[in-house]
Structures are given as C-alpha cells and as structure tokens.
PDB file of all heavy atoms in Angstrom:
ATOM      1  N   ASN A   1      99.587  95.567 134.326  1.00  0.00           N
ATOM      2  CA  ASN A   1      98.873  96.791 134.036  1.00  0.00           C
ATOM      3  C   ASN A   1      99.692  97.584 133.029  1.00  0.00           C
ATOM      4  O   ASN A   1     100.794  98.040 133.292  1.00  0.00           O
ATOM      5  CB  ASN A   1      98.657  97.629 135.295  1.00  0.00           C
ATOM      6  CG  ASN A   1      97.844  96.914 136.353  1.00  0.00           C
ATOM      7  OD1 ASN A   1      96.729  96.619 136.147  1.00  0.00           O
ATOM      8  ND2 ASN A   1      98.437  96.637 137.525  1.00  0.00           N
ATOM      9  N   VAL A   2      99.068  97.794 131.828  1.00  0.00           N
ATOM     10  CA  VAL A   2      99.699  98.500 130.848  1.00  0.00           C
ATOM     11  C   VAL A   2      98.718  99.442 130.091  1.00  0.00           C
ATOM     12  O   VAL A   2      97.537  99.161 130.181  1.00  0.00           O
ATOM     13  CB  VAL A   2     100.375  97.581 129.716  1.00  0.00           C
ATOM     14  CG1 VAL A   2     101.469  96.816 130.374  1.00  0.00           C
ATOM     15  CG2 VAL A   2      99.348  96.735 129.128  1.00  0.00           C
ATOM     16  N   ALA A   3      99.236 100.407 129.463  1.00  0.00           N
ATOM     17  CA  ALA A   3      98.335 101.343 128.658  1.00  0.00           C
ATOM     18  C   ALA A   3      98.056 100.641 127.301  1.00  0.00           C
ATOM     19  O   ALA A   3      98.710  99.736 126.836  1.00  0.00           O
ATOM     20  CB  ALA A   3      99.159 102.662 128.441  1.00  0.00           C
ATOM     21  N   VAL A   4      96.981 101.066 126.679  1.00  0.00           N
ATOM     22  CA  VAL A   4      96.519 100.612 125.442  1.00  0.00           C
ATOM     23  C   VAL A   4      97.688 100.756 124.448  1.00  0.00           C
ATOM     24  O   VAL A   4      98.347 101.770 124.411  1.00  0.00           O
ATOM     25  CB  VAL A   4      95.300 101.332 124.936  1.00  0.00           C
ATOM     26  CG1 VAL A   4      94.967 100.967 123.453  1.00  0.00           C
ATOM     27  CG2 VAL A   4      94.083 101.028 125.828  1.00  0.00           C
ATOM     28  N   GLY A   5      97.986  99.712 123.652  1.00  0.00           N
ATOM     29  CA  GLY A   5      98.949  99.740 122.640  1.00  0.00           C
ATOM     30  C   GLY A   5     100.337  99.270 123.089  1.00  0.00           C
ATOM     31  O   GLY A   5     101.235  99.153 122.268  1.00  0.00           O
ATOM     32  N   PHE A   6     100.509  98.951 124.350  1.00  0.00           N
ATOM     33  CA  PHE A   6     101.814  98.434 124.814  1.00  0.00           C
ATOM     34  C   PHE A   6     101.769  96.859 124.824  1.00  0.00           C
ATOM     35  O   PHE A   6     100.762  96.299 125.223  1.00  0.00           O
ATOM     36  CB  PHE A   6     102.184  98.925 126.218  1.00  0.00           C
ATOM     37  CG  PHE A   6     102.621 100.364 126.194  1.00  0.00           C
ATOM     38  CD1 PHE A   6     101.692 101.445 126.245  1.00  0.00           C
ATOM     39  CD2 PHE A   6     103.984 100.643 126.144  1.00  0.00           C
ATOM     40  CE1 PHE A   6     102.107 102.757 126.201  1.00  0.00           C
ATOM     41  CE2 PHE A   6     104.405 101.959 126.068  1.00  0.00           C
ATOM     42  CZ  PHE A   6     103.509 103.004 126.092  1.00  0.00           C
ATOM     43  N   SER A   7     102.937  96.265 124.517  1.00  0.00           N
ATOM     44  CA  SER A   7     102.933  94.839 124.451  1.00  0.00           C
ATOM     45  C   SER A   7     103.279  94.261 125.834  1.00  0.00           C
ATOM     46  O   SER A   7     104.043  94.798 126.569  1.00  0.00           O
ATOM     47  CB  SER A   7     104.166  94.473 123.473  1.00  0.00           C
ATOM     48  OG  SER A   7     104.305  93.090 123.408  1.00  0.00           O
ATOM     49  N   VAL A   8     102.667  93.107 126.043  1.00  0.00           N
ATOM     50  CA  VAL A   8     102.897  92.322 127.286  1.00  0.00           C
ATOM     51  C   VAL A   8     103.417  90.951 126.847  1.00  0.00           C
ATOM     52  O   VAL A   8     102.889  90.358 125.931  1.00  0.00           O
ATOM     53  CB  VAL A   8     101.572  92.093 128.104  1.00  0.00           C
ATOM     54  CG1 VAL A   8     101.899  91.255 129.344  1.00  0.00           C
ATOM     55  CG2 VAL A   8     101.039  93.495 128.527  1.00  0.00           C
ATOM     56  N   SER A   9     104.442  90.475 127.546  1.00  0.00           N
ATOM     57  CA  SER A   9     105.060  89.250 127.157  1.00  0.00           C
ATOM     58  C   SER A   9     104.673  88.154 128.238  1.00  0.00           C
ATOM     59  O   SER A   9     104.564  88.459 129.417  1.00  0.00           O
ATOM     60  CB  SER A   9     106.658  89.291 127.209  1.00  0.00           C
ATOM     61  OG  SER A   9     107.012  90.249 126.275  1.00  0.00           O
ATOM     62  N   PHE A  10     104.491  86.871 127.668  1.00  0.00           N
ATOM     63  CA  PHE A  10     104.063  85.826 128.564  1.00  0.00           C
ATOM     64  C   PHE A  10     104.937  84.613 128.271  1.00  0.00           C
ATOM     65  O   PHE A  10     105.420  84.429 127.184  1.00  0.00           O
ATOM     66  CB  PHE A  10     102.633  85.370 128.141  1.00  0.00           C
ATOM     67  CG  PHE A  10     101.595  86.440 128.351  1.00  0.00           C
ATOM     68  CD1 PHE A  10     101.293  87.391 127.414  1.00  0.00           C
ATOM     69  CD2 PHE A  10     100.869  86.547 129.618  1.00  0.00           C
ATOM     70  CE1 PHE A  10     100.335  88.383 127.590  1.00  0.00           C
ATOM     71  CE2 PHE A  10     100.002  87.531 129.793  1.00  0.00           C
ATOM     72  CZ  PHE A  10      99.717  88.463 128.820  1.00  0.00           C
ATOM     73  N   GLN A  11     105.253  83.809 129.319  1.00  0.00           N
ATOM     74  CA  GLN A  11     106.046  82.608 129.183  1.00  0.00           C
ATOM     75  C   GLN A  11     105.219  81.553 129.981  1.00  0.00           C
ATOM     76  O   GLN A  11     104.874  81.612 131.127  1.00  0.00           O
ATOM     77  CB  GLN A  11     107.405  82.859 129.790  1.00  0.00           C
ATOM     78  CG  GLN A  11     108.251  81.595 129.857  1.00  0.00           C
ATOM     79  CD  GLN A  11     109.626  81.863 130.477  1.00  0.00           C
ATOM     80  OE1 GLN A  11     110.017  82.975 130.670  1.00  0.00           O
ATOM     81  NE2 GLN A  11     110.318  80.794 130.822  1.00  0.00           N
ATOM     82  N   SER A  12     105.070  80.378 129.221  1.00  0.00           N
ATOM     83  CA  SER A  12     104.395  79.267 129.952  1.00  0.00           C
ATOM     84  C   SER A  12     105.393  78.504 130.773  1.00  0.00           C
ATOM     85  O   SER A  12     106.549  78.570 130.629  1.00  0.00           O
ATOM     86  CB  SER A  12     103.833  78.313 128.885  1.00  0.00           C
ATOM     87  OG  SER A  12     104.821  77.654 128.160  1.00  0.00           O
ATOM     88  N   GLN A  13     104.750  77.919 131.878  1.00  0.00           N
ATOM     89  CA  GLN A  13     105.495  77.034 132.776  1.00  0.00           C
ATOM     90  C   GLN A  13     104.692  75.779 132.991  1.00  0.00           C
ATOM     91  O   GLN A  13     104.019  75.608 133.982  1.00  0.00           O
ATOM     92  CB  GLN A  13     105.793  77.718 134.082  1.00  0.00           C
ATOM     93  CG  GLN A  13     106.699  78.931 133.975  1.00  0.00           C
ATOM     94  CD  GLN A  13     107.055  79.491 135.333  1.00  0.00           C
ATOM     95  OE1 GLN A  13     106.187  79.616 136.189  1.00  0.00           O
ATOM     96  NE2 GLN A  13     108.261  79.903 135.494  1.00  0.00           N
ATOM     97  N   ILE A  14     104.657  74.933 131.954  1.00  0.00           N
ATOM     98  CA  ILE A  14     103.909  73.687 131.927  1.00  0.00           C
ATOM     99  C   ILE A  14     104.746  72.537 132.271  1.00  0.00           C
ATOM    100  O   ILE A  14     105.875  72.353 131.629  1.00  0.00           O
ATOM    101  CB  ILE A  14     103.213  73.510 130.503  1.00  0.00           C
ATOM    102  CG1 ILE A  14     102.362  74.778 130.143  1.00  0.00           C
ATOM    103  CG2 ILE A  14     102.450  72.220 130.467  1.00  0.00           C
ATOM    104  CD1 ILE A  14     101.928  74.713 128.653  1.00  0.00           C
ATOM    105  N   ASN A  15     104.392  71.780 133.182  1.00  0.00           N
ATOM    106  CA  ASN A  15     105.109  70.594 133.605  1.00  0.00           C
ATOM    107  C   ASN A  15     104.421  69.352 132.996  1.00  0.00           C
ATOM    108  O   ASN A  15     103.241  69.298 132.940  1.00  0.00           O
ATOM    109  CB  ASN A  15     105.147  70.380 135.158  1.00  0.00           C
ATOM    110  CG  ASN A  15     105.915  71.581 135.766  1.00  0.00           C
ATOM    111  OD1 ASN A  15     106.959  71.963 135.275  1.00  0.00           O
ATOM    112  ND2 ASN A  15     105.397  71.982 136.891  1.00  0.00           N
ATOM    113  N   GLY A  16     105.268  68.438 132.591  1.00  0.00           N
ATOM    114  CA  GLY A  16     104.655  67.188 132.126  1.00  0.00           C
ATOM    115  C   GLY A  16     104.477  67.169 130.627  1.00  0.00           C
ATOM    116  O   GLY A  16     104.851  68.180 129.899  1.00  0.00           O
ATOM    117  N   ARG A  17     104.065  66.134 130.027  1.00  0.00           N
ATOM    118  CA  ARG A  17     103.851  65.925 128.681  1.00  0.00           C
ATOM    119  C   ARG A  17     102.653  66.721 128.128  1.00  0.00           C
ATOM    120  O   ARG A  17     101.560  66.568 128.727  1.00  0.00           O
ATOM    121  CB  ARG A  17     103.679  64.460 128.286  1.00  0.00           C
ATOM    122  CG  ARG A  17     103.748  64.117 126.890  1.00  0.00           C
ATOM    123  CD  ARG A  17     103.662  62.652 126.630  1.00  0.00           C
ATOM    124  NE  ARG A  17     103.894  62.267 125.328  1.00  0.00           N
ATOM    125  CZ  ARG A  17     105.082  61.846 124.843  1.00  0.00           C
ATOM    126  NH1 ARG A  17     106.124  61.648 125.667  1.00  0.00           N
ATOM    127  NH2 ARG A  17     105.215  61.583 123.598  1.00  0.00           N
ATOM    128  N   VAL A  18     102.795  67.487 127.136  1.00  0.00           N
ATOM    129  CA  VAL A  18     101.734  68.285 126.587  1.00  0.00           C
ATOM    130  C   VAL A  18     101.592  68.044 125.090  1.00  0.00           C
ATOM    131  O   VAL A  18     102.618  68.026 124.355  1.00  0.00           O
ATOM    132  CB  VAL A  18     102.028  69.826 126.772  1.00  0.00           C
ATOM    133  CG1 VAL A  18     100.988  70.682 126.131  1.00  0.00           C
ATOM    134  CG2 VAL A  18     102.152  70.146 128.193  1.00  0.00           C
ATOM    135  N   SER A  19     100.319  67.741 124.667  1.00  0.00           N
ATOM    136  CA  SER A  19     100.098  67.501 123.242  1.00  0.00           C
ATOM    137  C   SER A  19      99.710  68.748 122.544  1.00  0.00           C
ATOM    138  O   SER A  19      99.920  68.885 121.292  1.00  0.00           O
ATOM    139  CB  SER A  19      99.046  66.425 123.042  1.00  0.00           C
ATOM    140  OG  SER A  19      97.881  66.827 123.703  1.00  0.00           O
ATOM    141  N   ALA A  20      99.225  69.774 123.211  1.00  0.00           N
ATOM    142  CA  ALA A  20      98.828  71.028 122.579  1.00  0.00           C
ATOM    143  C   ALA A  20      98.626  72.080 123.710  1.00  0.00           C
ATOM    144  O   ALA A  20      98.443  71.757 124.872  1.00  0.00           O
ATOM    145  CB  ALA A  20      97.518  70.926 121.819  1.00  0.00           C
ATOM    146  N   SER A  21      98.702  73.360 123.342  1.00  0.00           N
ATOM    147  CA  SER A  21      98.434  74.467 124.237  1.00  0.00           C
ATOM    148  C   SER A  21      97.840  75.611 123.549  1.00  0.00           C
ATOM    149  O   SER A  21      98.031  75.717 122.288  1.00  0.00           O
ATOM    150  CB  SER A  21      99.745  74.849 124.994  1.00  0.00           C
ATOM    151  OG  SER A  21     100.644  75.467 124.093  1.00  0.00           O
ATOM    152  N   SER A  22      97.237  76.526 124.232  1.00  0.00           N
ATOM    153  CA  SER A  22      96.712  77.763 123.655  1.00  0.00           C
ATOM    154  C   SER A  22      96.716  78.885 124.644  1.00  0.00           C
ATOM    155  O   SER A  22      96.479  78.695 125.791  1.00  0.00           O
ATOM    156  CB  SER A  22      95.268  77.488 123.068  1.00  0.00           C
ATOM    157  OG  SER A  22      94.413  77.296 124.121  1.00  0.00           O
ATOM    158  N   TRP A  23      96.923  80.067 124.097  1.00  0.00           N
ATOM    159  CA  TRP A  23      96.820  81.252 124.914  1.00  0.00           C
ATOM    160  C   TRP A  23      95.575  82.043 124.421  1.00  0.00           C
ATOM    161  O   TRP A  23      95.406  82.261 123.160  1.00  0.00           O
ATOM    162  CB  TRP A  23      98.025  82.215 124.568  1.00  0.00           C
ATOM    163  CG  TRP A  23      99.362  81.780 124.923  1.00  0.00           C
ATOM    164  CD1 TRP A  23     100.233  81.086 124.173  1.00  0.00           C
ATOM    165  CD2 TRP A  23      99.991  81.948 126.196  1.00  0.00           C
ATOM    166  NE1 TRP A  23     101.348  80.820 124.880  1.00  0.00           N
ATOM    167  CE2 TRP A  23     101.271  81.347 126.158  1.00  0.00           C
ATOM    168  CE3 TRP A  23      99.569  82.551 127.469  1.00  0.00           C
ATOM    169  CZ2 TRP A  23     102.152  81.324 127.248  1.00  0.00           C
ATOM    170  CZ3 TRP A  23     100.482  82.533 128.522  1.00  0.00           C
ATOM    171  CH2 TRP A  23     101.720  81.928 128.415  1.00  0.00           C
ATOM    172  N   ASP A  24      94.645  82.352 125.300  1.00  0.00           N
ATOM    173  CA  ASP A  24      93.465  83.195 125.054  1.00  0.00           C
ATOM    174  C   ASP A  24      93.658  84.470 125.727  1.00  0.00           C
ATOM    175  O   ASP A  24      93.686  84.508 126.884  1.00  0.00           O
ATOM    176  CB  ASP A  24      92.197  82.385 125.505  1.00  0.00           C
ATOM    177  CG  ASP A  24      90.924  83.103 125.176  1.00  0.00           C
ATOM    178  OD1 ASP A  24      90.961  84.380 124.925  1.00  0.00           O
ATOM    179  OD2 ASP A  24      89.865  82.419 125.121  1.00  0.00           O
ATOM    180  N   PHE A  25      93.671  85.600 124.931  1.00  0.00           N
ATOM    181  CA  PHE A  25      93.974  86.878 125.512  1.00  0.00           C
ATOM    182  C   PHE A  25      92.748  87.658 125.915  1.00  0.00           C
ATOM    183  O   PHE A  25      92.871  88.829 126.285  1.00  0.00           O
ATOM    184  CB  PHE A  25      94.799  87.686 124.523  1.00  0.00           C
ATOM    185  CG  PHE A  25      96.145  87.067 124.336  1.00  0.00           C
ATOM    186  CD1 PHE A  25      96.430  86.344 123.252  1.00  0.00           C
ATOM    187  CD2 PHE A  25      97.154  87.168 125.312  1.00  0.00           C
ATOM    188  CE1 PHE A  25      97.707  85.785 122.990  1.00  0.00           C
ATOM    189  CE2 PHE A  25      98.372  86.548 125.157  1.00  0.00           C
ATOM    190  CZ  PHE A  25      98.659  85.834 123.947  1.00  0.00           C
ATOM    191  N   GLY A  26      91.570  87.134 125.808  1.00  0.00           N
ATOM    192  CA  GLY A  26      90.328  87.716 126.298  1.00  0.00           C
ATOM    193  C   GLY A  26      89.748  88.751 125.420  1.00  0.00           C
ATOM    194  O   GLY A  26      88.776  89.347 125.811  1.00  0.00           O
ATOM    195  N   ASP A  27      90.269  88.990 124.269  1.00  0.00           N
ATOM    196  CA  ASP A  27      89.751  89.934 123.312  1.00  0.00           C
ATOM    197  C   ASP A  27      89.498  89.334 121.943  1.00  0.00           C
ATOM    198  O   ASP A  27      89.373  90.049 120.969  1.00  0.00           O
ATOM    199  CB  ASP A  27      90.720  91.165 123.207  1.00  0.00           C
ATOM    200  CG  ASP A  27      92.094  90.705 122.572  1.00  0.00           C
ATOM    201  OD1 ASP A  27      92.357  89.489 122.443  1.00  0.00           O
ATOM    202  OD2 ASP A  27      92.928  91.644 122.373  1.00  0.00           O
ATOM    203  N   GLY A  28      89.393  88.011 121.937  1.00  0.00           N
ATOM    204  CA  GLY A  28      89.144  87.331 120.660  1.00  0.00           C
ATOM    205  C   GLY A  28      90.311  86.784 119.960  1.00  0.00           C
ATOM    206  O   GLY A  28      90.231  86.020 119.027  1.00  0.00           O
ATOM    207  N   VAL A  29      91.509  87.062 120.498  1.00  0.00           N
ATOM    208  CA  VAL A  29      92.765  86.549 119.964  1.00  0.00           C
ATOM    209  C   VAL A  29      93.215  85.336 120.695  1.00  0.00           C
ATOM    210  O   VAL A  29      93.303  85.339 121.967  1.00  0.00           O
ATOM    211  CB  VAL A  29      93.905  87.648 119.925  1.00  0.00           C
ATOM    212  CG1 VAL A  29      95.222  87.014 119.490  1.00  0.00           C
ATOM    213  CG2 VAL A  29      93.519  88.827 119.129  1.00  0.00           C
ATOM    214  N   VAL A  30      93.445  84.271 119.935  1.00  0.00           N
ATOM    215  CA  VAL A  30      93.915  82.953 120.541  1.00  0.00           C
ATOM    216  C   VAL A  30      95.089  82.529 119.703  1.00  0.00           C
ATOM    217  O   VAL A  30      95.025  82.536 118.448  1.00  0.00           O
ATOM    218  CB  VAL A  30      92.813  81.906 120.508  1.00  0.00           C
ATOM    219  CG1 VAL A  30      93.444  80.637 121.116  1.00  0.00           C
ATOM    220  CG2 VAL A  30      91.654  82.364 121.344  1.00  0.00           C
ATOM    221  N   VAL A  31      96.208  82.134 120.285  1.00  0.00           N
ATOM    222  CA  VAL A  31      97.372  81.564 119.627  1.00  0.00           C
ATOM    223  C   VAL A  31      97.653  80.224 120.164  1.00  0.00           C
ATOM    224  O   VAL A  31      97.407  79.951 121.376  1.00  0.00           O
ATOM    225  CB  VAL A  31      98.651  82.437 119.662  1.00  0.00           C
ATOM    226  CG1 VAL A  31      98.351  83.801 118.905  1.00  0.00           C
ATOM    227  CG2 VAL A  31      99.013  82.734 121.022  1.00  0.00           C
ATOM    228  N   SER A  32      98.139  79.266 119.347  1.00  0.00           N
ATOM    229  CA  SER A  32      98.299  77.921 119.817  1.00  0.00           C
ATOM    230  C   SER A  32      99.798  77.461 119.690  1.00  0.00           C
ATOM    231  O   SER A  32     100.517  77.896 118.824  1.00  0.00           O
ATOM    232  CB  SER A  32      97.560  77.016 118.851  1.00  0.00           C
ATOM    233  OG  SER A  32      96.150  77.261 118.980  1.00  0.00           O
ATOM    234  N   ASN A  33     100.064  76.552 120.629  1.00  0.00           N
ATOM    235  CA  ASN A  33     101.338  75.767 120.656  1.00  0.00           C
ATOM    236  C   ASN A  33     102.557  76.690 120.640  1.00  0.00           C
ATOM    237  O   ASN A  33     103.537  76.528 119.841  1.00  0.00           O
ATOM    238  CB  ASN A  33     101.405  74.770 119.491  1.00  0.00           C
ATOM    239  CG  ASN A  33     100.246  73.811 119.548  1.00  0.00           C
ATOM    240  OD1 ASN A  33      99.864  73.393 120.557  1.00  0.00           O
ATOM    241  ND2 ASN A  33      99.687  73.524 118.431  1.00  0.00           N
ATOM    242  N   ARG A  34     102.574  77.659 121.530  1.00  0.00           N
ATOM    243  CA  ARG A  34     103.711  78.572 121.656  1.00  0.00           C
ATOM    244  C   ARG A  34     104.107  78.639 123.141  1.00  0.00           C
ATOM    245  O   ARG A  34     103.297  78.994 123.976  1.00  0.00           O
ATOM    246  CB  ARG A  34     103.395  79.939 121.218  1.00  0.00           C
ATOM    247  CG  ARG A  34     103.065  80.039 119.766  1.00  0.00           C
ATOM    248  CD  ARG A  34     102.768  81.417 119.281  1.00  0.00           C
ATOM    249  NE  ARG A  34     102.283  81.471 117.923  1.00  0.00           N
ATOM    250  CZ  ARG A  34     101.869  82.552 117.372  1.00  0.00           C
ATOM    251  NH1 ARG A  34     101.855  83.715 117.987  1.00  0.00           N
ATOM    252  NH2 ARG A  34     101.381  82.518 116.109  1.00  0.00           N
ATOM    253  N   PRO A  35     105.313  78.383 123.493  1.00  0.00           N
ATOM    254  CA  PRO A  35     105.735  78.492 124.878  1.00  0.00           C
ATOM    255  C   PRO A  35     105.930  79.949 125.388  1.00  0.00           C
ATOM    256  O   PRO A  35     105.793  80.171 126.551  1.00  0.00           O
ATOM    257  CB  PRO A  35     107.071  77.771 124.981  1.00  0.00           C
ATOM    258  CG  PRO A  35     107.651  77.749 123.557  1.00  0.00           C
ATOM    259  CD  PRO A  35     106.395  77.765 122.625  1.00  0.00           C
ATOM    260  N   TYR A  36     106.120  80.779 124.366  1.00  0.00           N
ATOM    261  CA  TYR A  36     106.186  82.283 124.652  1.00  0.00           C
ATOM    262  C   TYR A  36     105.184  82.966 123.739  1.00  0.00           C
ATOM    263  O   TYR A  36     104.943  82.514 122.642  1.00  0.00           O
ATOM    264  CB  TYR A  36     107.598  82.829 124.313  1.00  0.00           C
ATOM    265  CG  TYR A  36     108.717  82.086 124.978  1.00  0.00           C
ATOM    266  CD1 TYR A  36     109.385  81.036 124.294  1.00  0.00           C
ATOM    267  CD2 TYR A  36     109.064  82.425 126.258  1.00  0.00           C
ATOM    268  CE1 TYR A  36     110.389  80.336 124.992  1.00  0.00           C
ATOM    269  CE2 TYR A  36     110.126  81.743 126.877  1.00  0.00           C
ATOM    270  CZ  TYR A  36     110.773  80.730 126.244  1.00  0.00           C
ATOM    271  OH  TYR A  36     111.769  80.076 126.921  1.00  0.00           O
ATOM    272  N   ALA A  37     104.618  83.988 124.263  1.00  0.00           N
ATOM    273  CA  ALA A  37     103.721  84.821 123.523  1.00  0.00           C
ATOM    274  C   ALA A  37     103.686  86.251 123.963  1.00  0.00           C
ATOM    275  O   ALA A  37     104.205  86.543 125.060  1.00  0.00           O
ATOM    276  CB  ALA A  37     102.276  84.267 123.618  1.00  0.00           C
ATOM    277  N   SER A  38     103.341  87.178 123.091  1.00  0.00           N
ATOM    278  CA  SER A  38     103.203  88.553 123.499  1.00  0.00           C
ATOM    279  C   SER A  38     101.855  89.046 122.790  1.00  0.00           C
ATOM    280  O   SER A  38     101.440  88.478 121.844  1.00  0.00           O
ATOM    281  CB  SER A  38     104.375  89.394 122.993  1.00  0.00           C
ATOM    282  OG  SER A  38     104.535  89.388 121.629  1.00  0.00           O
ATOM    283  N   HIS A  39     101.300  90.098 123.436  1.00  0.00           N
ATOM    284  CA  HIS A  39     100.002  90.611 122.922  1.00  0.00           C
ATOM    285  C   HIS A  39      99.912  92.100 123.298  1.00  0.00           C
ATOM    286  O   HIS A  39     100.476  92.574 124.316  1.00  0.00           O
ATOM    287  CB  HIS A  39      98.888  89.885 123.655  1.00  0.00           C
ATOM    288  CG  HIS A  39      97.574  90.108 123.005  1.00  0.00           C
ATOM    289  ND1 HIS A  39      97.184  89.735 121.774  1.00  0.00           N
ATOM    290  CD2 HIS A  39      96.487  90.775 123.498  1.00  0.00           C
ATOM    291  CE1 HIS A  39      95.983  90.179 121.567  1.00  0.00           C
ATOM    292  NE2 HIS A  39      95.522  90.824 122.576  1.00  0.00           N
ATOM    293  N   VAL A  40      99.207  92.747 122.373  1.00  0.00           N
ATOM    294  CA  VAL A  40      98.880  94.195 122.508  1.00  0.00           C
ATOM    295  C   VAL A  40      97.380  94.328 122.518  1.00  0.00           C
ATOM    296  O   VAL A  40      96.731  93.863 121.513  1.00  0.00           O
ATOM    297  CB  VAL A  40      99.459  95.000 121.424  1.00  0.00           C
ATOM    298  CG1 VAL A  40      99.040  96.474 121.466  1.00  0.00           C
ATOM    299  CG2 VAL A  40     101.072  94.869 121.428  1.00  0.00           C
ATOM    300  N   TRP A  41      96.802  94.943 123.521  1.00  0.00           N
ATOM    301  CA  TRP A  41      95.383  95.179 123.581  1.00  0.00           C
ATOM    302  C   TRP A  41      95.063  96.553 122.937  1.00  0.00           C
ATOM    303  O   TRP A  41      95.793  97.472 123.125  1.00  0.00           O
ATOM    304  CB  TRP A  41      94.868  95.106 125.005  1.00  0.00           C
ATOM    305  CG  TRP A  41      94.739  93.721 125.556  1.00  0.00           C
ATOM    306  CD1 TRP A  41      93.615  92.869 125.426  1.00  0.00           C
ATOM    307  CD2 TRP A  41      95.766  92.956 126.179  1.00  0.00           C
ATOM    308  NE1 TRP A  41      93.955  91.696 125.954  1.00  0.00           N
ATOM    309  CE2 TRP A  41      95.235  91.667 126.413  1.00  0.00           C
ATOM    310  CE3 TRP A  41      97.001  93.189 126.526  1.00  0.00           C
ATOM    311  CZ2 TRP A  41      95.947  90.697 127.028  1.00  0.00           C
ATOM    312  CZ3 TRP A  41      97.746  92.167 127.110  1.00  0.00           C
ATOM    313  CH2 TRP A  41      97.182  90.962 127.428  1.00  0.00           C
ATOM    314  N   LEU A  42      93.967  96.586 122.179  1.00  0.00           N
ATOM    315  CA  LEU A  42      93.636  97.829 121.437  1.00  0.00           C
ATOM    316  C   LEU A  42      92.612  98.675 122.131  1.00  0.00           C
ATOM    317  O   LEU A  42      92.253  99.733 121.621  1.00  0.00           O
ATOM    318  CB  LEU A  42      93.196  97.471 119.996  1.00  0.00           C
ATOM    319  CG  LEU A  42      94.181  96.693 119.216  1.00  0.00           C
ATOM    320  CD1 LEU A  42      93.666  96.329 117.909  1.00  0.00           C
ATOM    321  CD2 LEU A  42      95.542  97.477 119.096  1.00  0.00           C
ATOM    322  N   GLY A  43      92.077  98.218 123.239  1.00  0.00           N
ATOM    323  CA  GLY A  43      91.077  98.972 124.014  1.00  0.00           C
ATOM    324  C   GLY A  43      91.258  98.876 125.453  1.00  0.00           C
ATOM    325  O   GLY A  43      91.864  97.928 126.033  1.00  0.00           O
ATOM    326  N   ASP A  44      90.741  99.906 126.184  1.00  0.00           N
ATOM    327  CA  ASP A  44      90.775  99.818 127.647  1.00  0.00           C
ATOM    328  C   ASP A  44      89.963  98.719 128.171  1.00  0.00           C
ATOM    329  O   ASP A  44      89.006  98.270 127.568  1.00  0.00           O
ATOM    330  CB  ASP A  44      90.193 101.156 128.214  1.00  0.00           C
ATOM    331  CG  ASP A  44      91.064 102.378 127.927  1.00  0.00           C
ATOM    332  OD1 ASP A  44      92.271 102.221 127.756  1.00  0.00           O
ATOM    333  OD2 ASP A  44      90.527 103.541 127.952  1.00  0.00           O
ATOM    334  N   GLY A  45      90.341  98.238 129.404  1.00  0.00           N
ATOM    335  CA  GLY A  45      89.495  97.239 130.039  1.00  0.00           C
ATOM    336  C   GLY A  45      90.391  96.276 130.865  1.00  0.00           C
ATOM    337  O   GLY A  45      91.640  96.338 130.866  1.00  0.00           O
ATOM    338  N   ASP A  46      89.706  95.364 131.449  1.00  0.00           N
ATOM    339  CA  ASP A  46      90.358  94.257 132.198  1.00  0.00           C
ATOM    340  C   ASP A  46      90.134  93.049 131.352  1.00  0.00           C
ATOM    341  O   ASP A  46      89.024  92.666 130.997  1.00  0.00           O
ATOM    342  CB  ASP A  46      89.683  94.035 133.577  1.00  0.00           C
ATOM    343  CG  ASP A  46      89.859  95.221 134.541  1.00  0.00           C
ATOM    344  OD1 ASP A  46      90.928  95.861 134.416  1.00  0.00           O
ATOM    345  OD2 ASP A  46      88.933  95.485 135.324  1.00  0.00           O
ATOM    346  N   TYR A  47      91.259  92.403 131.072  1.00  0.00           N
ATOM    347  CA  TYR A  47      91.238  91.133 130.232  1.00  0.00           C
ATOM    348  C   TYR A  47      91.752  89.946 131.038  1.00  0.00           C
ATOM    349  O   TYR A  47      92.817  90.093 131.666  1.00  0.00           O
ATOM    350  CB  TYR A  47      92.071  91.319 128.983  1.00  0.00           C
ATOM    351  CG  TYR A  47      91.567  92.433 128.113  1.00  0.00           C
ATOM    352  CD1 TYR A  47      92.072  93.734 128.256  1.00  0.00           C
ATOM    353  CD2 TYR A  47      90.596  92.192 127.100  1.00  0.00           C
ATOM    354  CE1 TYR A  47      91.602  94.796 127.325  1.00  0.00           C
ATOM    355  CE2 TYR A  47      90.128  93.206 126.324  1.00  0.00           C
ATOM    356  CZ  TYR A  47      90.629  94.520 126.453  1.00  0.00           C
ATOM    357  OH  TYR A  47      90.189  95.478 125.592  1.00  0.00           O
TER     358      TYR A  47
END
C-alpha cells in the first residue's frame, strides 16, 4: 500500500529453467526479462 508517486520494488522468485518472464503492473506498463523491477503508479486505485 503506497501513495501515488511512490516507488514499489519487486523481486522474482522463479524456480527452474525460464526462457522469458514479464511483469505486468496493471496500468498498461509491462517489462520483460528482469529478475528485479520497480514501478510508480500515477493514479489512485487497486492494481
């Protein structure tokens, strides 16, 4: 739970062989093939 404009950090914990991965942040932003990611939401809501 964060206020609009604050960054949230994510770390994957994927076991086994992976050929690709993606993070979908629920607001139209998707990033690929990163074990770590961070995101800032620009609007109120549940994502």
